Amino acid sequence: GGGWTVIQRRGQFGNRVFHFYRNWTEYAHGFGNPTDEYWIGNRALHALTAGDDQMALRVV
């Protein structure tokens, strides 16, 4: 362990307004840029959490 995985990032980072009003396909595959506003994608999130290992979710 030790590292962080960013699953969502929202906020104004000196860029234009980035809307999270997306369709199911976009949420399934992910969208945005991890250095700006971002959603990792439901499929990737499932792959990260579907194993037998225990996970901790920290919301900051």
PDB file of N, CA and C in Angstrom:
ATOM      1  N   GLY A   1       0.816  -1.185   0.000  1.00  0.00           N
ATOM      2  CA  GLY A   1       0.000   0.000   0.000  1.00  0.00           C
ATOM      3  C   GLY A   1       0.854   1.240   0.000  1.00  0.00           C
ATOM      4  N   GLY A   2       0.245   2.312   0.391  1.00  0.00           N
ATOM      5  CA  GLY A   2       0.959   3.561   0.551  1.00  0.00           C
ATOM      6  C   GLY A   2       0.530   4.673  -0.369  1.00  0.00           C
ATOM      7  N   GLY A   3       0.154   4.361  -1.607  1.00  0.00           N
ATOM      8  CA  GLY A   3      -0.179   5.418  -2.560  1.00  0.00           C
ATOM      9  C   GLY A   3      -1.635   5.835  -2.495  1.00  0.00           C
ATOM     10  N   TRP A   4      -1.926   6.918  -3.167  1.00  0.00           N
ATOM     11  CA  TRP A   4      -3.286   7.428  -3.276  1.00  0.00           C
ATOM     12  C   TRP A   4      -3.794   7.199  -4.684  1.00  0.00           C
ATOM     13  N   THR A   5      -5.049   6.902  -4.823  1.00  0.00           N
ATOM     14  CA  THR A   5      -5.707   6.836  -6.117  1.00  0.00           C
ATOM     15  C   THR A   5      -6.827   7.861  -6.111  1.00  0.00           C
ATOM     16  N   VAL A   6      -6.740   8.835  -6.973  1.00  0.00           N
ATOM     17  CA  VAL A   6      -7.771   9.868  -7.064  1.00  0.00           C
ATOM     18  C   VAL A   6      -8.896   9.332  -7.936  1.00  0.00           C
ATOM     19  N   ILE A   7     -10.099   9.260  -7.363  1.00  0.00           N
ATOM     20  CA  ILE A   7     -11.236   8.775  -8.144  1.00  0.00           C
ATOM     21  C   ILE A   7     -12.090   9.923  -8.661  1.00  0.00           C
ATOM     22  N   GLN A   8     -12.057  11.061  -7.974  1.00  0.00           N
ATOM     23  CA  GLN A   8     -12.806  12.231  -8.427  1.00  0.00           C
ATOM     24  C   GLN A   8     -12.087  13.475  -7.952  1.00  0.00           C
ATOM     25  N   ARG A   9     -12.082  14.485  -8.799  1.00  0.00           N
ATOM     26  CA  ARG A   9     -11.508  15.773  -8.433  1.00  0.00           C
ATOM     27  C   ARG A   9     -12.404  16.845  -9.013  1.00  0.00           C
ATOM     28  N   ARG A  10     -12.875  17.729  -8.148  1.00  0.00           N
ATOM     29  CA  ARG A  10     -13.757  18.813  -8.587  1.00  0.00           C
ATOM     30  C   ARG A  10     -13.282  20.109  -7.976  1.00  0.00           C
ATOM     31  N   GLY A  11     -13.496  21.195  -8.681  1.00  0.00           N
ATOM     32  CA  GLY A  11     -13.152  22.516  -8.183  1.00  0.00           C
ATOM     33  C   GLY A  11     -12.747  23.423  -9.324  1.00  0.00           C
ATOM     34  N   GLN A  12     -12.583  24.674  -9.016  1.00  0.00           N
ATOM     35  CA  GLN A  12     -12.103  25.632 -10.011  1.00  0.00           C
ATOM     36  C   GLN A  12     -10.589  25.721  -9.881  1.00  0.00           C
ATOM     37  N   PHE A  13      -9.899  25.288 -10.901  1.00  0.00           N
ATOM     38  CA  PHE A  13      -8.441  25.259 -10.895  1.00  0.00           C
ATOM     39  C   PHE A  13      -7.895  26.241 -11.924  1.00  0.00           C
ATOM     40  N   GLY A  14      -8.506  27.417 -11.988  1.00  0.00           N
ATOM     41  CA  GLY A  14      -8.074  28.419 -12.944  1.00  0.00           C
ATOM     42  C   GLY A  14      -8.522  28.123 -14.360  1.00  0.00           C
ATOM     43  N   ASN A  15      -9.475  27.218 -14.513  1.00  0.00           N
ATOM     44  CA  ASN A  15      -9.953  26.856 -15.843  1.00  0.00           C
ATOM     45  C   ASN A  15     -11.435  27.180 -15.960  1.00  0.00           C
ATOM     46  N   ARG A  16     -11.975  26.909 -17.129  1.00  0.00           N
ATOM     47  CA  ARG A  16     -13.399  27.145 -17.349  1.00  0.00           C
ATOM     48  C   ARG A  16     -14.220  26.189 -16.485  1.00  0.00           C
ATOM     49  N   VAL A  17     -15.481  26.476 -16.364  1.00  0.00           N
ATOM     50  CA  VAL A  17     -16.382  25.611 -15.600  1.00  0.00           C
ATOM     51  C   VAL A  17     -16.467  24.255 -16.292  1.00  0.00           C
ATOM     52  N   PHE A  18     -16.287  23.203 -15.525  1.00  0.00           N
ATOM     53  CA  PHE A  18     -16.306  21.833 -16.038  1.00  0.00           C
ATOM     54  C   PHE A  18     -17.518  21.146 -15.440  1.00  0.00           C
ATOM     55  N   HIS A  19     -18.443  20.764 -16.270  1.00  0.00           N
ATOM     56  CA  HIS A  19     -19.701  20.194 -15.777  1.00  0.00           C
ATOM     57  C   HIS A  19     -19.628  18.678 -15.674  1.00  0.00           C
ATOM     58  N   PHE A  20     -20.206  18.164 -14.611  1.00  0.00           N
ATOM     59  CA  PHE A  20     -20.289  16.726 -14.395  1.00  0.00           C
ATOM     60  C   PHE A  20     -21.644  16.178 -14.834  1.00  0.00           C
ATOM     61  N   TYR A  21     -22.401  16.945 -15.596  1.00  0.00           N
ATOM     62  CA  TYR A  21     -23.661  16.466 -16.171  1.00  0.00           C
ATOM     63  C   TYR A  21     -23.303  15.635 -17.392  1.00  0.00           C
ATOM     64  N   ARG A  22     -23.163  14.325 -17.201  1.00  0.00           N
ATOM     65  CA  ARG A  22     -22.695  13.420 -18.255  1.00  0.00           C
ATOM     66  C   ARG A  22     -23.662  12.259 -18.413  1.00  0.00           C
ATOM     67  N   ASN A  23     -23.532  11.546 -19.507  1.00  0.00           N
ATOM     68  CA  ASN A  23     -24.365  10.365 -19.700  1.00  0.00           C
ATOM     69  C   ASN A  23     -23.692   9.147 -19.059  1.00  0.00           C
ATOM     70  N   TRP A  24     -24.413   8.013 -19.048  1.00  0.00           N
ATOM     71  CA  TRP A  24     -23.910   6.814 -18.389  1.00  0.00           C
ATOM     72  C   TRP A  24     -22.600   6.333 -18.998  1.00  0.00           C
ATOM     73  N   THR A  25     -22.468   6.384 -20.310  1.00  0.00           N
ATOM     74  CA  THR A  25     -21.249   5.914 -20.972  1.00  0.00           C
ATOM     75  C   THR A  25     -20.036   6.706 -20.506  1.00  0.00           C
ATOM     76  N   GLU A  26     -20.172   8.020 -20.391  1.00  0.00           N
ATOM     77  CA  GLU A  26     -19.051   8.839 -19.925  1.00  0.00           C
ATOM     78  C   GLU A  26     -18.690   8.508 -18.478  1.00  0.00           C
ATOM     79  N   TYR A  27     -19.693   8.298 -17.625  1.00  0.00           N
ATOM     80  CA  TYR A  27     -19.401   7.901 -16.244  1.00  0.00           C
ATOM     81  C   TYR A  27     -18.792   6.507 -16.182  1.00  0.00           C
ATOM     82  N   ALA A  28     -19.181   5.623 -17.070  1.00  0.00           N
ATOM     83  CA  ALA A  28     -18.614   4.270 -17.093  1.00  0.00           C
ATOM     84  C   ALA A  28     -17.138   4.300 -17.469  1.00  0.00           C
ATOM     85  N   HIS A  29     -16.779   5.110 -18.448  1.00  0.00           N
ATOM     86  CA  HIS A  29     -15.403   5.136 -18.957  1.00  0.00           C
ATOM     87  C   HIS A  29     -14.521   6.182 -18.282  1.00  0.00           C
ATOM     88  N   GLY A  30     -15.106   7.176 -17.643  1.00  0.00           N
ATOM     89  CA  GLY A  30     -14.336   8.244 -17.021  1.00  0.00           C
ATOM     90  C   GLY A  30     -14.181   9.428 -17.956  1.00  0.00           C
ATOM     91  N   PHE A  31     -13.851  10.567 -17.370  1.00  0.00           N
ATOM     92  CA  PHE A  31     -13.694  11.783 -18.164  1.00  0.00           C
ATOM     93  C   PHE A  31     -12.863  12.795 -17.391  1.00  0.00           C
ATOM     94  N   GLY A  32     -12.401  13.799 -18.115  1.00  0.00           N
ATOM     95  CA  GLY A  32     -11.618  14.865 -17.508  1.00  0.00           C
ATOM     96  C   GLY A  32     -10.140  14.550 -17.504  1.00  0.00           C
ATOM     97  N   ASN A  33      -9.416  15.329 -16.724  1.00  0.00           N
ATOM     98  CA  ASN A  33      -7.966  15.234 -16.620  1.00  0.00           C
ATOM     99  C   ASN A  33      -7.605  15.147 -15.140  1.00  0.00           C
ATOM    100  N   PRO A  34      -6.835  14.161 -14.713  1.00  0.00           N
ATOM    101  CA  PRO A  34      -6.520  14.016 -13.285  1.00  0.00           C
ATOM    102  C   PRO A  34      -5.861  15.240 -12.652  1.00  0.00           C
ATOM    103  N   THR A  35      -5.254  16.119 -13.446  1.00  0.00           N
ATOM    104  CA  THR A  35      -4.653  17.321 -12.870  1.00  0.00           C
ATOM    105  C   THR A  35      -5.654  18.458 -12.759  1.00  0.00           C
ATOM    106  N   ASP A  36      -6.834  18.298 -13.342  1.00  0.00           N
ATOM    107  CA  ASP A  36      -7.903  19.297 -13.248  1.00  0.00           C
ATOM    108  C   ASP A  36      -9.136  18.608 -12.669  1.00  0.00           C
ATOM    109  N   GLU A  37     -10.270  18.786 -13.304  1.00  0.00           N
ATOM    110  CA  GLU A  37     -11.476  18.101 -12.848  1.00  0.00           C
ATOM    111  C   GLU A  37     -11.559  16.744 -13.539  1.00  0.00           C
ATOM    112  N   TYR A  38     -12.077  15.741 -12.796  1.00  0.00           N
ATOM    113  CA  TYR A  38     -11.829  14.373 -13.232  1.00  0.00           C
ATOM    114  C   TYR A  38     -12.779  13.394 -12.569  1.00  0.00           C
ATOM    115  N   TRP A  39     -13.176  12.364 -13.301  1.00  0.00           N
ATOM    116  CA  TRP A  39     -13.851  11.182 -12.753  1.00  0.00           C
ATOM    117  C   TRP A  39     -13.146   9.967 -13.332  1.00  0.00           C
ATOM    118  N   ILE A  40     -12.675   9.052 -12.476  1.00  0.00           N
ATOM    119  CA  ILE A  40     -11.880   7.901 -12.911  1.00  0.00           C
ATOM    120  C   ILE A  40     -12.673   6.943 -13.802  1.00  0.00           C
ATOM    121  N   GLY A  41     -13.964   6.863 -13.589  1.00  0.00           N
ATOM    122  CA  GLY A  41     -14.815   5.956 -14.367  1.00  0.00           C
ATOM    123  C   GLY A  41     -15.314   4.814 -13.499  1.00  0.00           C
ATOM    124  N   ASN A  42     -16.578   4.463 -13.684  1.00  0.00           N
ATOM    125  CA  ASN A  42     -17.186   3.398 -12.883  1.00  0.00           C
ATOM    126  C   ASN A  42     -16.512   2.053 -13.108  1.00  0.00           C
ATOM    127  N   ARG A  43     -16.107   1.784 -14.337  1.00  0.00           N
ATOM    128  CA  ARG A  43     -15.450   0.496 -14.620  1.00  0.00           C
ATOM    129  C   ARG A  43     -14.104   0.403 -13.914  1.00  0.00           C
ATOM    130  N   ALA A  44     -13.329   1.461 -13.961  1.00  0.00           N
ATOM    131  CA  ALA A  44     -12.029   1.459 -13.280  1.00  0.00           C
ATOM    132  C   ALA A  44     -12.218   1.378 -11.768  1.00  0.00           C
ATOM    133  N   LEU A  45     -13.200   2.099 -11.245  1.00  0.00           N
ATOM    134  CA  LEU A  45     -13.477   2.055  -9.811  1.00  0.00           C
ATOM    135  C   LEU A  45     -13.889   0.648  -9.386  1.00  0.00           C
ATOM    136  N   HIS A  46     -14.698  -0.008 -10.189  1.00  0.00           N
ATOM    137  CA  HIS A  46     -15.086  -1.388  -9.892  1.00  0.00           C
ATOM    138  C   HIS A  46     -13.871  -2.310  -9.909  1.00  0.00           C
ATOM    139  N   ALA A  47     -13.007  -2.147 -10.893  1.00  0.00           N
ATOM    140  CA  ALA A  47     -11.808  -2.991 -10.986  1.00  0.00           C
ATOM    141  C   ALA A  47     -10.903  -2.800  -9.770  1.00  0.00           C
ATOM    142  N   LEU A  48     -10.837  -1.584  -9.253  1.00  0.00           N
ATOM    143  CA  LEU A  48      -9.996  -1.308  -8.083  1.00  0.00           C
ATOM    144  C   LEU A  48     -10.566  -1.896  -6.798  1.00  0.00           C
ATOM    145  N   THR A  49     -11.886  -2.029  -6.726  1.00  0.00           N
ATOM    146  CA  THR A  49     -12.522  -2.400  -5.456  1.00  0.00           C
ATOM    147  C   THR A  49     -13.175  -3.779  -5.457  1.00  0.00           C
ATOM    148  N   ALA A  50     -13.115  -4.515  -6.547  1.00  0.00           N
ATOM    149  CA  ALA A  50     -13.833  -5.786  -6.646  1.00  0.00           C
ATOM    150  C   ALA A  50     -13.070  -6.973  -6.065  1.00  0.00           C
ATOM    151  N   GLY A  51     -11.828  -6.797  -5.680  1.00  0.00           N
ATOM    152  CA  GLY A  51     -11.043  -7.908  -5.166  1.00  0.00           C
ATOM    153  C   GLY A  51     -11.352  -8.232  -3.721  1.00  0.00           C
ATOM    154  N   ASP A  52     -10.604  -9.171  -3.167  1.00  0.00           N
ATOM    155  CA  ASP A  52     -10.792  -9.587  -1.781  1.00  0.00           C
ATOM    156  C   ASP A  52     -10.118  -8.657  -0.775  1.00  0.00           C
ATOM    157  N   ASP A  53      -9.230  -7.788  -1.247  1.00  0.00           N
ATOM    158  CA  ASP A  53      -8.540  -6.866  -0.341  1.00  0.00           C
ATOM    159  C   ASP A  53      -9.521  -5.842   0.221  1.00  0.00           C
ATOM    160  N   GLN A  54      -9.290  -5.454   1.474  1.00  0.00           N
ATOM    161  CA  GLN A  54     -10.108  -4.412   2.075  1.00  0.00           C
ATOM    162  C   GLN A  54      -9.576  -3.058   1.640  1.00  0.00           C
ATOM    163  N   MET A  55     -10.487  -2.124   1.438  1.00  0.00           N
ATOM    164  CA  MET A  55     -10.143  -0.772   1.020  1.00  0.00           C
ATOM    165  C   MET A  55     -10.660   0.211   2.055  1.00  0.00           C
ATOM    166  N   ALA A  56     -10.023   1.363   2.119  1.00  0.00           N
ATOM    167  CA  ALA A  56     -10.510   2.473   2.924  1.00  0.00           C
ATOM    168  C   ALA A  56     -10.748   3.644   1.985  1.00  0.00           C
ATOM    169  N   LEU A  57     -11.883   4.293   2.131  1.00  0.00           N
ATOM    170  CA  LEU A  57     -12.209   5.459   1.322  1.00  0.00           C
ATOM    171  C   LEU A  57     -12.062   6.693   2.189  1.00  0.00           C
ATOM    172  N   ARG A  58     -11.215   7.612   1.762  1.00  0.00           N
ATOM    173  CA  ARG A  58     -11.044   8.880   2.475  1.00  0.00           C
ATOM    174  C   ARG A  58     -11.541   9.998   1.578  1.00  0.00           C
ATOM    175  N   VAL A  59     -12.444  10.778   2.101  1.00  0.00           N
ATOM    176  CA  VAL A  59     -12.974  11.916   1.357  1.00  0.00           C
ATOM    177  C   VAL A  59     -12.346  13.168   1.942  1.00  0.00           C
ATOM    178  N   VAL A  60     -11.584  13.853   1.108  1.00  0.00           N
ATOM    179  CA  VAL A  60     -10.910  15.078   1.566  1.00  0.00           C
ATOM    180  C   VAL A  60     -11.225  16.229   0.658  1.00  0.00           C
TER     181      VAL A  60
END
